[in-house]
C-alpha atoms as a PDB file:
ATOM      1  CA  MET A   1      -0.134   0.305  -0.057  1.00  0.00           C
ATOM      2  CA  ILE A   2       1.293   3.353  -0.657  1.00  0.00           C
ATOM      3  CA  GLU A   3       0.077   6.355   1.919  1.00  0.00           C
ATOM      4  CA  ILE A   4       0.233   9.546   0.023  1.00  0.00           C
ATOM      5  CA  ARG A   5       0.000  13.029   1.965  1.00  0.00           C
ATOM      6  CA  TRP A   6      -1.025  16.418  -0.185  1.00  0.00           C
ATOM      7  CA  HIS A   7      -0.114  19.878   1.287  1.00  0.00           C
ATOM      8  CA  GLY A   8      -1.426  23.274  -0.242  1.00  0.00           C
ATOM      9  CA  ARG A   9      -3.464  25.759   0.595  1.00  0.00           C
ATOM     10  CA  GLY A  10      -7.389  26.189   0.192  1.00  0.00           C
ATOM     11  CA  GLY A  11      -8.720  26.872  -3.161  1.00  0.00           C
ATOM     12  CA  GLN A  12      -5.210  25.173  -5.231  1.00  0.00           C
ATOM     13  CA  GLY A  13      -6.643  22.470  -6.328  1.00  0.00           C
ATOM     14  CA  VAL A  14      -4.630  19.971  -3.216  1.00  0.00           C
ATOM     15  CA  VAL A  15      -8.423  17.546  -2.760  1.00  0.00           C
ATOM     16  CA  THR A  16      -8.674  17.964  -6.446  1.00  0.00           C
ATOM     17  CA  ALA A  17      -4.951  16.451  -6.771  1.00  0.00           C
ATOM     18  CA  SER A  18      -5.749  13.724  -4.497  1.00  0.00           C
ATOM     19  CA  GLU A  19      -9.135  13.235  -6.367  1.00  0.00           C
ATOM     20  CA  ILE A  20      -7.324  12.740  -9.853  1.00  0.00           C
ATOM     21  CA  LEU A  21      -4.899  10.869  -8.700  1.00  0.00           C
ATOM     22  CA  ALA A  22      -7.375   8.224  -6.794  1.00  0.00           C
ATOM     23  CA  LYS A  23      -9.152   8.103 -10.017  1.00  0.00           C
ATOM     24  CA  ALA A  24      -6.574   7.480 -11.714  1.00  0.00           C
ATOM     25  CA  ALA A  25      -5.647   4.833  -9.908  1.00  0.00           C
ATOM     26  CA  LEU A  26      -9.369   2.803  -9.796  1.00  0.00           C
ATOM     27  CA  LEU A  27      -9.486   3.300 -13.561  1.00  0.00           C
ATOM     28  CA  GLU A  28      -6.063   1.300 -13.398  1.00  0.00           C
ATOM     29  CA  GLY A  29      -7.799  -1.558 -11.481  1.00  0.00           C
ATOM     30  CA  LYS A  30      -6.254  -0.271  -7.885  1.00  0.00           C
ATOM     31  CA  PHE A  31      -8.366   0.065  -4.652  1.00  0.00           C
ATOM     32  CA  VAL A  32      -7.687   3.217  -3.438  1.00  0.00           C
ATOM     33  CA  GLN A  33      -9.424   5.971  -0.742  1.00  0.00           C
ATOM     34  CA  HIS A  34      -9.226  10.092  -0.931  1.00  0.00           C
ATOM     35  CA  TRP A  35     -10.260  12.067   1.767  1.00  0.00           C
ATOM     36  CA  PRO A  36      -9.751  16.139   2.803  1.00  0.00           C
ATOM     37  CA  MET A  37      -8.668  17.595   6.159  1.00  0.00           C
ATOM     38  CA  PHE A  38      -9.375  20.748   6.553  1.00  0.00           C
ATOM     39  CA  GLY A  39     -11.928  22.271   8.727  1.00  0.00           C
ATOM     40  CA  PRO A  40     -13.552  26.421   8.704  1.00  0.00           C
ATOM     41  CA  GLU A  41     -10.534  27.839   7.342  1.00  0.00           C
ATOM     42  CA  ARG A  42     -11.050  30.093   4.311  1.00  0.00           C
ATOM     43  CA  ARG A  43      -8.914  30.451   1.103  1.00  0.00           C
ATOM     44  CA  GLY A  44      -5.943  30.621   1.238  1.00  0.00           C
ATOM     45  CA  ALA A  45      -5.763  28.717   4.860  1.00  0.00           C
ATOM     46  CA  PRO A  46      -3.410  25.114   5.187  1.00  0.00           C
ATOM     47  CA  VAL A  47      -5.180  22.316   4.143  1.00  0.00           C
ATOM     48  CA  ASN A  48      -4.018  18.461   3.616  1.00  0.00           C
ATOM     49  CA  ALA A  49      -5.336  15.786   1.574  1.00  0.00           C
ATOM     50  CA  PHE A  50      -4.942  11.976   1.690  1.00  0.00           C
ATOM     51  CA  THR A  51      -4.840   9.383  -0.801  1.00  0.00           C
ATOM     52  CA  ARG A  52      -3.838   5.037  -0.535  1.00  0.00           C
ATOM     53  CA  ILE A  53      -3.503   3.232  -3.271  1.00  0.00           C
ATOM     54  CA  ASP A  54      -2.713  -0.526  -3.024  1.00  0.00           C
ATOM     55  CA  GLU A  55      -3.777  -4.031  -5.652  1.00  0.00           C
ATOM     56  CA  GLU A  56      -5.662  -5.129  -2.671  1.00  0.00           C
ATOM     57  CA  PRO A  57      -8.857  -3.403  -0.903  1.00  0.00           C
ATOM     58  CA  ILE A  58      -8.159  -1.181   2.064  1.00  0.00           C
ATOM     59  CA  ASP A  59      -9.723  -2.127   5.147  1.00  0.00           C
ATOM     60  CA  MET A  60      -8.098   1.460   7.408  1.00  0.00           C
ATOM     61  CA  HIS A  61     -10.274   3.601   7.836  1.00  0.00           C
ATOM     62  CA  PHE A  62      -7.890   6.345   9.490  1.00  0.00           C
ATOM     63  CA  GLY A  63      -5.717   8.627   8.906  1.00  0.00           C
ATOM     64  CA  VAL A  64      -2.305   8.765   7.248  1.00  0.00           C
ATOM     65  CA  TYR A  65       0.326   9.426  10.270  1.00  0.00           C
ATOM     66  CA  ASN A  66       3.138   7.625   8.075  1.00  0.00           C
ATOM     67  CA  PRO A  67       2.982   8.460   4.812  1.00  0.00           C
ATOM     68  CA  ASP A  68       5.382   7.070   2.061  1.00  0.00           C
ATOM     69  CA  ILE A  69       4.810   9.784  -0.389  1.00  0.00           C
ATOM     70  CA  VAL A  70       4.767  13.511   0.561  1.00  0.00           C
ATOM     71  CA  VAL A  71       3.576  16.151  -1.895  1.00  0.00           C
ATOM     72  CA  VAL A  72       3.863  20.110  -1.592  1.00  0.00           C
ATOM     73  CA  ILE A  73       1.854  22.008  -3.568  1.00  0.00           C
ATOM     74  CA  ASP A  74       2.155  25.659  -2.115  1.00  0.00           C
ATOM     75  CA  PRO A  75       5.731  26.278  -2.223  1.00  0.00           C
ATOM     76  CA  THR A  76       5.378  28.691   1.031  1.00  0.00           C
ATOM     77  CA  LEU A  77       5.251  25.877   3.162  1.00  0.00           C
ATOM     78  CA  LEU A  78       8.700  24.179   2.472  1.00  0.00           C
ATOM     79  CA  ILE A  79       9.231  27.207   5.474  1.00  0.00           C
ATOM     80  CA  ASN A  80       7.764  24.825   7.762  1.00  0.00           C
ATOM     81  CA  VAL A  81      10.268  21.753   7.287  1.00  0.00           C
ATOM     82  CA  GLU A  82       8.871  19.820  10.518  1.00  0.00           C
ATOM     83  CA  SER A  83       5.352  20.139   9.706  1.00  0.00           C
ATOM     84  CA  ILE A  84       5.495  18.814   6.484  1.00  0.00           C
ATOM     85  CA  THR A  85       8.067  15.979   7.511  1.00  0.00           C
ATOM     86  CA  SER A  86       6.411  15.451  10.200  1.00  0.00           C
ATOM     87  CA  GLY A  87       5.821  11.563  10.139  1.00  0.00           C
ATOM     88  CA  ILE A  88       7.650  10.307   6.738  1.00  0.00           C
ATOM     89  CA  LYS A  89       8.855   7.167   6.920  1.00  0.00           C
ATOM     90  CA  GLU A  90      12.487   6.933   6.408  1.00  0.00           C
ATOM     91  CA  ASN A  91      13.764   6.323   2.592  1.00  0.00           C
ATOM     92  CA  ALA A  92      10.170   7.973   1.688  1.00  0.00           C
ATOM     93  CA  LEU A  93       9.379  10.271  -1.253  1.00  0.00           C
ATOM     94  CA  MET A  94       9.150  13.808  -1.025  1.00  0.00           C
ATOM     95  CA  VAL A  95       8.153  15.882  -4.301  1.00  0.00           C
ATOM     96  CA  VAL A  96       8.062  20.000  -4.129  1.00  0.00           C
ATOM     97  CA  ASN A  97       6.823  23.198  -5.492  1.00  0.00           C
ATOM     98  CA  ALA A  98      10.051  24.663  -5.793  1.00  0.00           C
ATOM     99  CA  SER A  99      12.623  26.359  -8.242  1.00  0.00           C
ATOM    100  CA  LYS A 100      15.178  26.330  -5.280  1.00  0.00           C
ATOM    101  CA  ILE A 101      15.534  24.618  -1.987  1.00  0.00           C
ATOM    102  CA  HIS A 102      16.589  25.740   1.376  1.00  0.00           C
ATOM    103  CA  SER A 103      19.334  24.348   2.972  1.00  0.00           C
ATOM    104  CA  ASN A 104      16.540  23.087   5.743  1.00  0.00           C
ATOM    105  CA  LEU A 105      14.874  20.880   4.236  1.00  0.00           C
ATOM    106  CA  ILE A 106      17.693  19.444   2.154  1.00  0.00           C
ATOM    107  CA  GLU A 107      19.554  18.682   5.393  1.00  0.00           C
ATOM    108  CA  LYS A 108      16.387  17.423   6.830  1.00  0.00           C
ATOM    109  CA  ALA A 109      15.839  14.901   3.703  1.00  0.00           C
ATOM    110  CA  ARG A 110      19.093  13.453   4.488  1.00  0.00           C
ATOM    111  CA  ASN A 111      18.707  12.944   7.465  1.00  0.00           C
ATOM    112  CA  LEU A 112      15.616  10.788   7.049  1.00  0.00           C
ATOM    113  CA  ASN A 113      16.719   9.296   3.717  1.00  0.00           C
ATOM    114  CA  LEU A 114      14.239  10.976   1.389  1.00  0.00           C
ATOM    115  CA  SER A 115      14.488  10.969  -1.935  1.00  0.00           C
ATOM    116  CA  LEU A 116      13.123  14.838  -2.754  1.00  0.00           C
ATOM    117  CA  TYR A 117      11.748  16.088  -6.225  1.00  0.00           C
ATOM    118  CA  ALA A 118      11.122  19.747  -6.858  1.00  0.00           C
ATOM    119  CA  VAL A 119       9.767  20.516 -10.227  1.00  0.00           C
ATOM    120  CA  ASP A 120       8.314  24.517 -10.634  1.00  0.00           C
ATOM    121  CA  ALA A 121       5.345  24.239 -10.983  1.00  0.00           C
ATOM    122  CA  TYR A 122       4.710  28.241 -10.324  1.00  0.00           C
ATOM    123  CA  THR A 123       6.038  28.509 -13.704  1.00  0.00           C
ATOM    124  CA  ILE A 124       4.657  26.090 -15.527  1.00  0.00           C
ATOM    125  CA  ALA A 125       1.099  27.097 -14.028  1.00  0.00           C
ATOM    126  CA  ILE A 126       2.118  30.606 -15.229  1.00  0.00           C
ATOM    127  CA  ASP A 127       3.158  29.607 -18.662  1.00  0.00           C
ATOM    128  CA  ILE A 128       0.334  27.457 -19.405  1.00  0.00           C
ATOM    129  CA  PHE A 129      -2.323  28.598 -17.235  1.00  0.00           C
ATOM    130  CA  ASN A 130      -1.555  32.262 -16.885  1.00  0.00           C
ATOM    131  CA  ARG A 131      -2.384  31.786 -13.020  1.00  0.00           C
ATOM    132  CA  PRO A 132      -1.209  30.004 -10.068  1.00  0.00           C
ATOM    133  CA  PHE A 133      -3.185  26.465 -10.376  1.00  0.00           C
ATOM    134  CA  TYR A 134      -0.016  24.279  -9.108  1.00  0.00           C
ATOM    135  CA  ASN A 135      -1.946  21.090  -8.763  1.00  0.00           C
ATOM    136  CA  THR A 136      -1.952  18.879 -12.025  1.00  0.00           C
ATOM    137  CA  PRO A 137       1.700  19.895 -12.376  1.00  0.00           C
ATOM    138  CA  MET A 138       2.143  18.659  -9.270  1.00  0.00           C
ATOM    139  CA  LEU A 139       0.776  15.203 -10.696  1.00  0.00           C
ATOM    140  CA  GLY A 140       2.969  15.046 -13.375  1.00  0.00           C
ATOM    141  CA  ALA A 141       6.029  15.232 -10.997  1.00  0.00           C
ATOM    142  CA  LEU A 142       4.380  12.685  -8.598  1.00  0.00           C
ATOM    143  CA  ILE A 143       3.757  10.178 -11.340  1.00  0.00           C
ATOM    144  CA  LYS A 144       7.030  10.434 -12.975  1.00  0.00           C
ATOM    145  CA  VAL A 145       8.841   9.831  -9.860  1.00  0.00           C
ATOM    146  CA  SER A 146       7.028   7.393  -8.156  1.00  0.00           C
ATOM    147  CA  SER A 147       5.414   5.655 -11.133  1.00  0.00           C
ATOM    148  CA  ILE A 148       2.286   4.921  -9.307  1.00  0.00           C
ATOM    149  CA  VAL A 149      -0.131   5.428 -11.905  1.00  0.00           C
ATOM    150  CA  SER A 150       0.473   5.688 -16.085  1.00  0.00           C
ATOM    151  CA  ILE A 151       0.183   9.497 -16.973  1.00  0.00           C
ATOM    152  CA  ASN A 152      -2.507   8.198 -19.939  1.00  0.00           C
ATOM    153  CA  SER A 153      -4.672   7.318 -16.923  1.00  0.00           C
ATOM    154  CA  ILE A 154      -3.994  10.603 -15.381  1.00  0.00           C
ATOM    155  CA  TYR A 155      -5.035  11.701 -18.653  1.00  0.00           C
ATOM    156  CA  LYS A 156      -8.438   9.770 -18.512  1.00  0.00           C
ATOM    157  CA  ALA A 157      -9.339  10.542 -14.974  1.00  0.00           C
ATOM    158  CA  VAL A 158      -8.469  14.657 -15.822  1.00  0.00           C
ATOM    159  CA  GLU A 159     -11.043  14.150 -19.032  1.00  0.00           C
ATOM    160  CA  GLU A 160     -13.565  13.109 -16.603  1.00  0.00           C
ATOM    161  CA  LYS A 161     -13.419  15.324 -13.945  1.00  0.00           C
ATOM    162  CA  PHE A 162     -12.798  18.470 -16.025  1.00  0.00           C
ATOM    163  CA  LYS A 163     -15.211  18.629 -19.065  1.00  0.00           C
ATOM    164  CA  ASN A 164     -14.179  22.102 -20.845  1.00  0.00           C
ATOM    165  CA  LYS A 165     -12.218  20.764 -23.806  1.00  0.00           C
ATOM    166  CA  VAL A 166      -9.709  23.611 -23.324  1.00  0.00           C
ATOM    167  CA  LEU A 167      -8.847  23.219 -19.330  1.00  0.00           C
ATOM    168  CA  VAL A 168      -8.703  19.135 -20.226  1.00  0.00           C
ATOM    169  CA  GLU A 169      -5.988  20.342 -22.851  1.00  0.00           C
ATOM    170  CA  LYS A 170      -3.796  22.820 -20.782  1.00  0.00           C
ATOM    171  CA  ASN A 171      -3.895  20.455 -17.350  1.00  0.00           C
ATOM    172  CA  LYS A 172      -2.975  17.283 -19.778  1.00  0.00           C
ATOM    173  CA  GLU A 173      -0.149  19.805 -21.188  1.00  0.00           C
ATOM    174  CA  ALA A 174       0.676  21.182 -17.350  1.00  0.00           C
ATOM    175  CA  ILE A 175       0.792  17.421 -16.609  1.00  0.00           C
ATOM    176  CA  LYS A 176       3.564  16.569 -18.735  1.00  0.00           C
ATOM    177  CA  ARG A 177       5.403  19.419 -18.915  1.00  0.00           C
ATOM    178  CA  ALA A 178       6.122  18.920 -14.747  1.00  0.00           C
ATOM    179  CA  TYR A 179       6.471  15.122 -15.880  1.00  0.00           C
ATOM    180  CA  ASP A 180       9.372  16.174 -17.881  1.00  0.00           C
ATOM    181  CA  GLU A 181      10.950  19.039 -15.839  1.00  0.00           C
ATOM    182  CA  VAL A 182      10.787  17.009 -12.564  1.00  0.00           C
ATOM    183  CA  LYS A 183      14.339  16.415 -10.761  1.00  0.00           C
ATOM    184  CA  LYS A 184      16.183  15.220  -7.896  1.00  0.00           C
ATOM    185  CA  VAL A 185      17.304  17.191  -5.181  1.00  0.00           C
ATOM    186  CA  GLU A 186      21.100  15.977  -4.122  1.00  0.00           C
END
């Protein structure tokens, strides 16, 4: 089983990214769980979403406390290294939206033997959407470094999620670009 914790802010599509990933896994015949975690916060407040994916039925019905993968959609959340790495398993994956990684995060990743990856989802989003829609670029980066699902399954899930053809094509472009541009942080 793979457990993923998503970090972002309200309105950035954190829940949508988790939902699209879950749908893509379902399309591949996998078992999934997906849920958000937020309170009465307003737009812009930190939020989390969670995704579980397995080849077998999932009988667990509690939070993800020790994720195998952490995805940080909002780059401003990278300041709080302890919060985003809380409970993460040693040797896990972390995928972050950043053009430059602060030394504190690199040091923490080394201490936990994390595989740390970065993609500049901000630039990709601005280039393609002309707005900071980071979620689908981060999906592209995630599936490249984890191989959880295929890019074609993500495309199909995007087609089911969004009905506007232009929006579908822009999201596919953002996914593919991040898929191609994600880099391991050494």
